[in-house]
Amino acid sequence: MRIALAALCIGAVTFLLRVLVALVREWMQAPPHTAKFYFARFSPLKQRGELIVMNPEPQRRGFATRDGERMAL
């Protein structure tokens, strides 16, 4: 029993040391270059398509009686 527990502890310590070494190596490396972002050009002067007129008053949707019962369940 003691041998199994000792082997388990040695394995756990080895794993944690490997993780610690990997973190230290990553920390020691130079930071990556700053990311370059591409922004699409937006030119509001050029009109494309057509305007979509939206009704400011929302329309009420009517449901049949049976549909309302199904939705409630």
PDB file of N, CA and C in Angstrom:
ATOM      1  N   MET A   1       0.827  -1.199   0.000  1.00  0.00           N
ATOM      2  CA  MET A   1       0.000   0.000   0.000  1.00  0.00           C
ATOM      3  C   MET A   1       0.864   1.253   0.000  1.00  0.00           C
ATOM      4  N   ARG A   2       1.918   1.234   0.800  1.00  0.00           N
ATOM      5  CA  ARG A   2       2.785   2.417   0.865  1.00  0.00           C
ATOM      6  C   ARG A   2       3.506   2.648  -0.454  1.00  0.00           C
ATOM      7  N   ILE A   3       3.843   1.567  -1.139  1.00  0.00           N
ATOM      8  CA  ILE A   3       4.547   1.705  -2.419  1.00  0.00           C
ATOM      9  C   ILE A   3       3.629   2.349  -3.455  1.00  0.00           C
ATOM     10  N   ALA A   4       2.384   1.924  -3.458  1.00  0.00           N
ATOM     11  CA  ALA A   4       1.431   2.506  -4.412  1.00  0.00           C
ATOM     12  C   ALA A   4       1.199   3.985  -4.122  1.00  0.00           C
ATOM     13  N   LEU A   5       1.088   4.331  -2.855  1.00  0.00           N
ATOM     14  CA  LEU A   5       0.880   5.728  -2.481  1.00  0.00           C
ATOM     15  C   LEU A   5       2.108   6.569  -2.825  1.00  0.00           C
ATOM     16  N   ALA A   6       3.288   6.011  -2.599  1.00  0.00           N
ATOM     17  CA  ALA A   6       4.519   6.727  -2.940  1.00  0.00           C
ATOM     18  C   ALA A   6       4.625   6.933  -4.449  1.00  0.00           C
ATOM     19  N   ALA A   7       4.261   5.911  -5.228  1.00  0.00           N
ATOM     20  CA  ALA A   7       4.312   6.034  -6.686  1.00  0.00           C
ATOM     21  C   ALA A   7       3.311   7.084  -7.163  1.00  0.00           C
ATOM     22  N   LEU A   8       2.139   7.111  -6.568  1.00  0.00           N
ATOM     23  CA  LEU A   8       1.137   8.108  -6.935  1.00  0.00           C
ATOM     24  C   LEU A   8       1.622   9.518  -6.623  1.00  0.00           C
ATOM     25  N   CYS A   9       2.228   9.692  -5.456  1.00  0.00           N
ATOM     26  CA  CYS A   9       2.743  11.016  -5.083  1.00  0.00           C
ATOM     27  C   CYS A   9       3.878  11.448  -5.993  1.00  0.00           C
ATOM     28  N   ILE A  10       4.762  10.532  -6.340  1.00  0.00           N
ATOM     29  CA  ILE A  10       5.883  10.866  -7.235  1.00  0.00           C
ATOM     30  C   ILE A  10       5.347  11.251  -8.613  1.00  0.00           C
ATOM     31  N   GLY A  11       4.336  10.549  -9.100  1.00  0.00           N
ATOM     32  CA  GLY A  11       3.736  10.888 -10.386  1.00  0.00           C
ATOM     33  C   GLY A  11       3.071  12.257 -10.358  1.00  0.00           C
ATOM     34  N   ALA A  12       2.383  12.561  -9.261  1.00  0.00           N
ATOM     35  CA  ALA A  12       1.717  13.857  -9.145  1.00  0.00           C
ATOM     36  C   ALA A  12       2.733  14.992  -9.094  1.00  0.00           C
ATOM     37  N   VAL A  13       3.800  14.807  -8.331  1.00  0.00           N
ATOM     38  CA  VAL A  13       4.833  15.838  -8.234  1.00  0.00           C
ATOM     39  C   VAL A  13       5.511  16.035  -9.586  1.00  0.00           C
ATOM     40  N   THR A  14       5.773  14.944 -10.291  1.00  0.00           N
ATOM     41  CA  THR A  14       6.395  15.046 -11.614  1.00  0.00           C
ATOM     42  C   THR A  14       5.486  15.824 -12.574  1.00  0.00           C
ATOM     43  N   PHE A  15       4.198  15.527 -12.545  1.00  0.00           N
ATOM     44  CA  PHE A  15       3.257  16.226 -13.414  1.00  0.00           C
ATOM     45  C   PHE A  15       3.230  17.714 -13.091  1.00  0.00           C
ATOM     46  N   LEU A  16       3.148  18.061 -11.823  1.00  0.00           N
ATOM     47  CA  LEU A  16       3.082  19.475 -11.447  1.00  0.00           C
ATOM     48  C   LEU A  16       4.368  20.211 -11.797  1.00  0.00           C
ATOM     49  N   LEU A  17       5.511  19.537 -11.655  1.00  0.00           N
ATOM     50  CA  LEU A  17       6.777  20.170 -12.041  1.00  0.00           C
ATOM     51  C   LEU A  17       6.826  20.415 -13.546  1.00  0.00           C
ATOM     52  N   ARG A  18       6.322  19.474 -14.335  1.00  0.00           N
ATOM     53  CA  ARG A  18       6.306  19.671 -15.792  1.00  0.00           C
ATOM     54  C   ARG A  18       5.404  20.846 -16.171  1.00  0.00           C
ATOM     55  N   VAL A  19       4.265  20.965 -15.509  1.00  0.00           N
ATOM     56  CA  VAL A  19       3.367  22.092 -15.776  1.00  0.00           C
ATOM     57  C   VAL A  19       4.042  23.403 -15.382  1.00  0.00           C
ATOM     58  N   LEU A  20       4.709  23.415 -14.241  1.00  0.00           N
ATOM     59  CA  LEU A  20       5.402  24.626 -13.796  1.00  0.00           C
ATOM     60  C   LEU A  20       6.506  25.024 -14.763  1.00  0.00           C
ATOM     61  N   VAL A  21       7.255  24.061 -15.249  1.00  0.00           N
ATOM     62  CA  VAL A  21       8.327  24.353 -16.209  1.00  0.00           C
ATOM     63  C   VAL A  21       7.740  24.917 -17.499  1.00  0.00           C
ATOM     64  N   ALA A  22       6.632  24.354 -17.967  1.00  0.00           N
ATOM     65  CA  ALA A  22       6.002  24.852 -19.193  1.00  0.00           C
ATOM     66  C   ALA A  22       5.512  26.286 -19.008  1.00  0.00           C
ATOM     67  N   LEU A  23       4.942  26.594 -17.852  1.00  0.00           N
ATOM     68  CA  LEU A  23       4.472  27.953 -17.601  1.00  0.00           C
ATOM     69  C   LEU A  23       5.625  28.945 -17.534  1.00  0.00           C
ATOM     70  N   VAL A  24       6.729  28.544 -16.900  1.00  0.00           N
ATOM     71  CA  VAL A  24       7.885  29.436 -16.802  1.00  0.00           C
ATOM     72  C   VAL A  24       8.484  29.674 -18.180  1.00  0.00           C
ATOM     73  N   ARG A  25       8.581  28.622 -19.000  1.00  0.00           N
ATOM     74  CA  ARG A  25       9.115  28.795 -20.357  1.00  0.00           C
ATOM     75  C   ARG A  25       8.232  29.727 -21.177  1.00  0.00           C
ATOM     76  N   GLU A  26       6.933  29.572 -21.050  1.00  0.00           N
ATOM     77  CA  GLU A  26       6.015  30.442 -21.790  1.00  0.00           C
ATOM     78  C   GLU A  26       6.134  31.885 -21.307  1.00  0.00           C
ATOM     79  N   TRP A  27       6.322  32.080 -20.021  1.00  0.00           N
ATOM     80  CA  TRP A  27       6.439  33.418 -19.469  1.00  0.00           C
ATOM     81  C   TRP A  27       7.739  34.090 -19.905  1.00  0.00           C
ATOM     82  N   MET A  28       8.812  33.297 -20.047  1.00  0.00           N
ATOM     83  CA  MET A  28      10.117  33.847 -20.401  1.00  0.00           C
ATOM     84  C   MET A  28      10.206  34.252 -21.870  1.00  0.00           C
ATOM     85  N   GLN A  29       9.391  33.664 -22.723  1.00  0.00           N
ATOM     86  CA  GLN A  29       9.445  33.996 -24.142  1.00  0.00           C
ATOM     87  C   GLN A  29       8.956  35.417 -24.363  1.00  0.00           C
ATOM     88  N   ALA A  30       9.422  36.015 -25.467  1.00  0.00           N
ATOM     89  CA  ALA A  30       9.014  37.377 -25.813  1.00  0.00           C
ATOM     90  C   ALA A  30       7.518  37.384 -26.135  1.00  0.00           C
ATOM     91  N   PRO A  31       6.852  38.468 -25.818  1.00  0.00           N
ATOM     92  CA  PRO A  31       5.416  38.532 -26.132  1.00  0.00           C
ATOM     93  C   PRO A  31       5.202  38.510 -27.647  1.00  0.00           C
ATOM     94  N   PRO A  32       4.111  37.941 -28.104  1.00  0.00           N
ATOM     95  CA  PRO A  32       3.847  37.902 -29.548  1.00  0.00           C
ATOM     96  C   PRO A  32       3.615  39.306 -30.093  1.00  0.00           C
ATOM     97  N   HIS A  33       3.787  39.421 -31.385  1.00  0.00           N
ATOM     98  CA  HIS A  33       3.575  40.713 -32.035  1.00  0.00           C
ATOM     99  C   HIS A  33       2.114  41.116 -31.888  1.00  0.00           C
ATOM    100  N   THR A  34       1.897  42.413 -31.899  1.00  0.00           N
ATOM    101  CA  THR A  34       0.528  42.882 -31.778  1.00  0.00           C
ATOM    102  C   THR A  34      -0.281  42.445 -32.991  1.00  0.00           C
ATOM    103  N   ALA A  35      -1.501  42.107 -32.773  1.00  0.00           N
ATOM    104  CA  ALA A  35      -2.368  41.634 -33.850  1.00  0.00           C
ATOM    105  C   ALA A  35      -2.793  42.805 -34.729  1.00  0.00           C
ATOM    106  N   LYS A  36      -2.833  42.554 -36.009  1.00  0.00           N
ATOM    107  CA  LYS A  36      -3.294  43.571 -36.953  1.00  0.00           C
ATOM    108  C   LYS A  36      -4.715  43.231 -37.349  1.00  0.00           C
ATOM    109  N   PHE A  37      -5.586  44.208 -37.264  1.00  0.00           N
ATOM    110  CA  PHE A  37      -6.982  44.002 -37.587  1.00  0.00           C
ATOM    111  C   PHE A  37      -7.296  44.659 -38.915  1.00  0.00           C
ATOM    112  N   TYR A  38      -8.163  44.038 -39.649  1.00  0.00           N
ATOM    113  CA  TYR A  38      -8.608  44.585 -40.923  1.00  0.00           C
ATOM    114  C   TYR A  38     -10.000  45.154 -40.722  1.00  0.00           C
ATOM    115  N   PHE A  39     -10.149  46.416 -41.000  1.00  0.00           N
ATOM    116  CA  PHE A  39     -11.447  47.055 -40.912  1.00  0.00           C
ATOM    117  C   PHE A  39     -11.919  47.358 -42.333  1.00  0.00           C
ATOM    118  N   ALA A  40     -13.108  46.911 -42.647  1.00  0.00           N
ATOM    119  CA  ALA A  40     -13.663  47.175 -43.973  1.00  0.00           C
ATOM    120  C   ALA A  40     -13.957  48.669 -44.099  1.00  0.00           C
ATOM    121  N   ARG A  41     -13.746  49.167 -45.267  1.00  0.00           N
ATOM    122  CA  ARG A  41     -14.009  50.588 -45.485  1.00  0.00           C
ATOM    123  C   ARG A  41     -15.505  50.829 -45.570  1.00  0.00           C
ATOM    124  N   PHE A  42     -15.943  51.821 -44.876  1.00  0.00           N
ATOM    125  CA  PHE A  42     -17.357  52.183 -44.883  1.00  0.00           C
ATOM    126  C   PHE A  42     -17.485  53.557 -45.496  1.00  0.00           C
ATOM    127  N   SER A  43     -18.163  53.617 -46.599  1.00  0.00           N
ATOM    128  CA  SER A  43     -18.359  54.886 -47.281  1.00  0.00           C
ATOM    129  C   SER A  43     -19.857  55.159 -47.380  1.00  0.00           C
ATOM    130  N   PRO A  44     -20.399  55.992 -46.484  1.00  0.00           N
ATOM    131  CA  PRO A  44     -21.843  56.239 -46.526  1.00  0.00           C
ATOM    132  C   PRO A  44     -22.274  57.095 -47.717  1.00  0.00           C
ATOM    133  N   LEU A  45     -21.329  57.667 -48.458  1.00  0.00           N
ATOM    134  CA  LEU A  45     -21.693  58.507 -49.587  1.00  0.00           C
ATOM    135  C   LEU A  45     -22.230  57.666 -50.743  1.00  0.00           C
ATOM    136  N   LYS A  46     -21.739  56.458 -50.884  1.00  0.00           N
ATOM    137  CA  LYS A  46     -22.207  55.594 -51.956  1.00  0.00           C
ATOM    138  C   LYS A  46     -23.451  54.860 -51.476  1.00  0.00           C
ATOM    139  N   GLN A  47     -24.555  55.074 -52.156  1.00  0.00           N
ATOM    140  CA  GLN A  47     -25.776  54.392 -51.752  1.00  0.00           C
ATOM    141  C   GLN A  47     -25.957  53.153 -52.605  1.00  0.00           C
ATOM    142  N   ARG A  48     -26.243  52.083 -51.930  1.00  0.00           N
ATOM    143  CA  ARG A  48     -26.487  50.823 -52.626  1.00  0.00           C
ATOM    144  C   ARG A  48     -27.825  50.287 -52.163  1.00  0.00           C
ATOM    145  N   GLY A  49     -28.547  49.703 -53.088  1.00  0.00           N
ATOM    146  CA  GLY A  49     -29.818  49.094 -52.725  1.00  0.00           C
ATOM    147  C   GLY A  49     -30.891  50.141 -52.504  1.00  0.00           C
ATOM    148  N   GLU A  50     -31.863  49.762 -51.719  1.00  0.00           N
ATOM    149  CA  GLU A  50     -32.975  50.672 -51.465  1.00  0.00           C
ATOM    150  C   GLU A  50     -33.231  50.721 -49.969  1.00  0.00           C
ATOM    151  N   LEU A  51     -33.925  51.753 -49.555  1.00  0.00           N
ATOM    152  CA  LEU A  51     -34.260  51.902 -48.156  1.00  0.00           C
ATOM    153  C   LEU A  51     -35.375  50.954 -47.765  1.00  0.00           C
ATOM    154  N   ILE A  52     -35.311  50.469 -46.572  1.00  0.00           N
ATOM    155  CA  ILE A  52     -36.372  49.624 -46.043  1.00  0.00           C
ATOM    156  C   ILE A  52     -37.140  50.465 -45.041  1.00  0.00           C
ATOM    157  N   VAL A  53     -38.400  50.693 -45.323  1.00  0.00           N
ATOM    158  CA  VAL A  53     -39.227  51.516 -44.454  1.00  0.00           C
ATOM    159  C   VAL A  53     -39.813  50.610 -43.372  1.00  0.00           C
ATOM    160  N   MET A  54     -39.595  50.988 -42.133  1.00  0.00           N
ATOM    161  CA  MET A  54     -40.096  50.187 -41.029  1.00  0.00           C
ATOM    162  C   MET A  54     -41.275  50.913 -40.396  1.00  0.00           C
ATOM    163  N   ASN A  55     -42.295  50.170 -40.083  1.00  0.00           N
ATOM    164  CA  ASN A  55     -43.481  50.730 -39.464  1.00  0.00           C
ATOM    165  C   ASN A  55     -43.184  50.957 -37.980  1.00  0.00           C
ATOM    166  N   PRO A  56     -43.332  52.193 -37.478  1.00  0.00           N
ATOM    167  CA  PRO A  56     -43.032  52.425 -36.069  1.00  0.00           C
ATOM    168  C   PRO A  56     -44.046  51.803 -35.122  1.00  0.00           C
ATOM    169  N   GLU A  57     -45.240  51.505 -35.622  1.00  0.00           N
ATOM    170  CA  GLU A  57     -46.261  50.892 -34.782  1.00  0.00           C
ATOM    171  C   GLU A  57     -46.264  49.388 -35.042  1.00  0.00           C
ATOM    172  N   PRO A  58     -45.894  48.610 -34.072  1.00  0.00           N
ATOM    173  CA  PRO A  58     -45.867  47.160 -34.303  1.00  0.00           C
ATOM    174  C   PRO A  58     -47.273  46.615 -34.489  1.00  0.00           C
ATOM    175  N   GLN A  59     -47.390  45.682 -35.392  1.00  0.00           N
ATOM    176  CA  GLN A  59     -48.693  45.085 -35.659  1.00  0.00           C
ATOM    177  C   GLN A  59     -48.935  43.943 -34.690  1.00  0.00           C
ATOM    178  N   ARG A  60     -50.189  43.801 -34.277  1.00  0.00           N
ATOM    179  CA  ARG A  60     -50.527  42.685 -33.386  1.00  0.00           C
ATOM    180  C   ARG A  60     -50.711  41.439 -34.218  1.00  0.00           C
ATOM    181  N   ARG A  61     -50.135  40.364 -33.726  1.00  0.00           N
ATOM    182  CA  ARG A  61     -50.299  39.099 -34.410  1.00  0.00           C
ATOM    183  C   ARG A  61     -51.470  38.365 -33.785  1.00  0.00           C
ATOM    184  N   GLY A  62     -52.374  37.927 -34.591  1.00  0.00           N
ATOM    185  CA  GLY A  62     -53.523  37.200 -34.084  1.00  0.00           C
ATOM    186  C   GLY A  62     -53.290  35.700 -34.188  1.00  0.00           C
ATOM    187  N   PHE A  63     -53.570  34.976 -33.120  1.00  0.00           N
ATOM    188  CA  PHE A  63     -53.419  33.538 -33.120  1.00  0.00           C
ATOM    189  C   PHE A  63     -54.795  32.902 -33.013  1.00  0.00           C
ATOM    190  N   ALA A  64     -54.930  31.782 -33.626  1.00  0.00           N
ATOM    191  CA  ALA A  64     -56.174  31.028 -33.481  1.00  0.00           C
ATOM    192  C   ALA A  64     -56.237  30.498 -32.059  1.00  0.00           C
ATOM    193  N   THR A  65     -57.437  30.144 -31.621  1.00  0.00           N
ATOM    194  CA  THR A  65     -57.603  29.678 -30.245  1.00  0.00           C
ATOM    195  C   THR A  65     -56.776  28.426 -29.995  1.00  0.00           C
ATOM    196  N   ARG A  66     -56.787  27.516 -30.919  1.00  0.00           N
ATOM    197  CA  ARG A  66     -56.028  26.265 -30.753  1.00  0.00           C
ATOM    198  C   ARG A  66     -54.527  26.533 -30.692  1.00  0.00           C
ATOM    199  N   ASP A  67     -54.052  27.443 -31.490  1.00  0.00           N
ATOM    200  CA  ASP A  67     -52.614  27.753 -31.481  1.00  0.00           C
ATOM    201  C   ASP A  67     -52.202  28.330 -30.133  1.00  0.00           C
ATOM    202  N   GLY A  68     -53.051  29.181 -29.548  1.00  0.00           N
ATOM    203  CA  GLY A  68     -52.741  29.755 -28.254  1.00  0.00           C
ATOM    204  C   GLY A  68     -52.660  28.697 -27.179  1.00  0.00           C
ATOM    205  N   GLU A  69     -53.513  27.678 -27.275  1.00  0.00           N
ATOM    206  CA  GLU A  69     -53.466  26.602 -26.281  1.00  0.00           C
ATOM    207  C   GLU A  69     -52.187  25.795 -26.431  1.00  0.00           C
ATOM    208  N   ARG A  70     -51.786  25.545 -27.657  1.00  0.00           N
ATOM    209  CA  ARG A  70     -50.550  24.776 -27.885  1.00  0.00           C
ATOM    210  C   ARG A  70     -49.331  25.532 -27.401  1.00  0.00           C
ATOM    211  N   MET A  71     -49.328  26.839 -27.596  1.00  0.00           N
ATOM    212  CA  MET A  71     -48.191  27.641 -27.160  1.00  0.00           C
ATOM    213  C   MET A  71     -48.107  27.680 -25.642  1.00  0.00           C
ATOM    214  N   ALA A  72     -49.238  27.668 -24.953  1.00  0.00           N
ATOM    215  CA  ALA A  72     -49.244  27.733 -23.503  1.00  0.00           C
ATOM    216  C   ALA A  72     -48.697  26.454 -22.885  1.00  0.00           C
ATOM    217  N   LEU A  73     -48.900  25.338 -23.572  1.00  0.00           N
ATOM    218  CA  LEU A  73     -48.417  24.064 -23.039  1.00  0.00           C
ATOM    219  C   LEU A  73     -46.945  23.987 -23.305  1.00  0.00           C
TER     220      LEU A  73
END
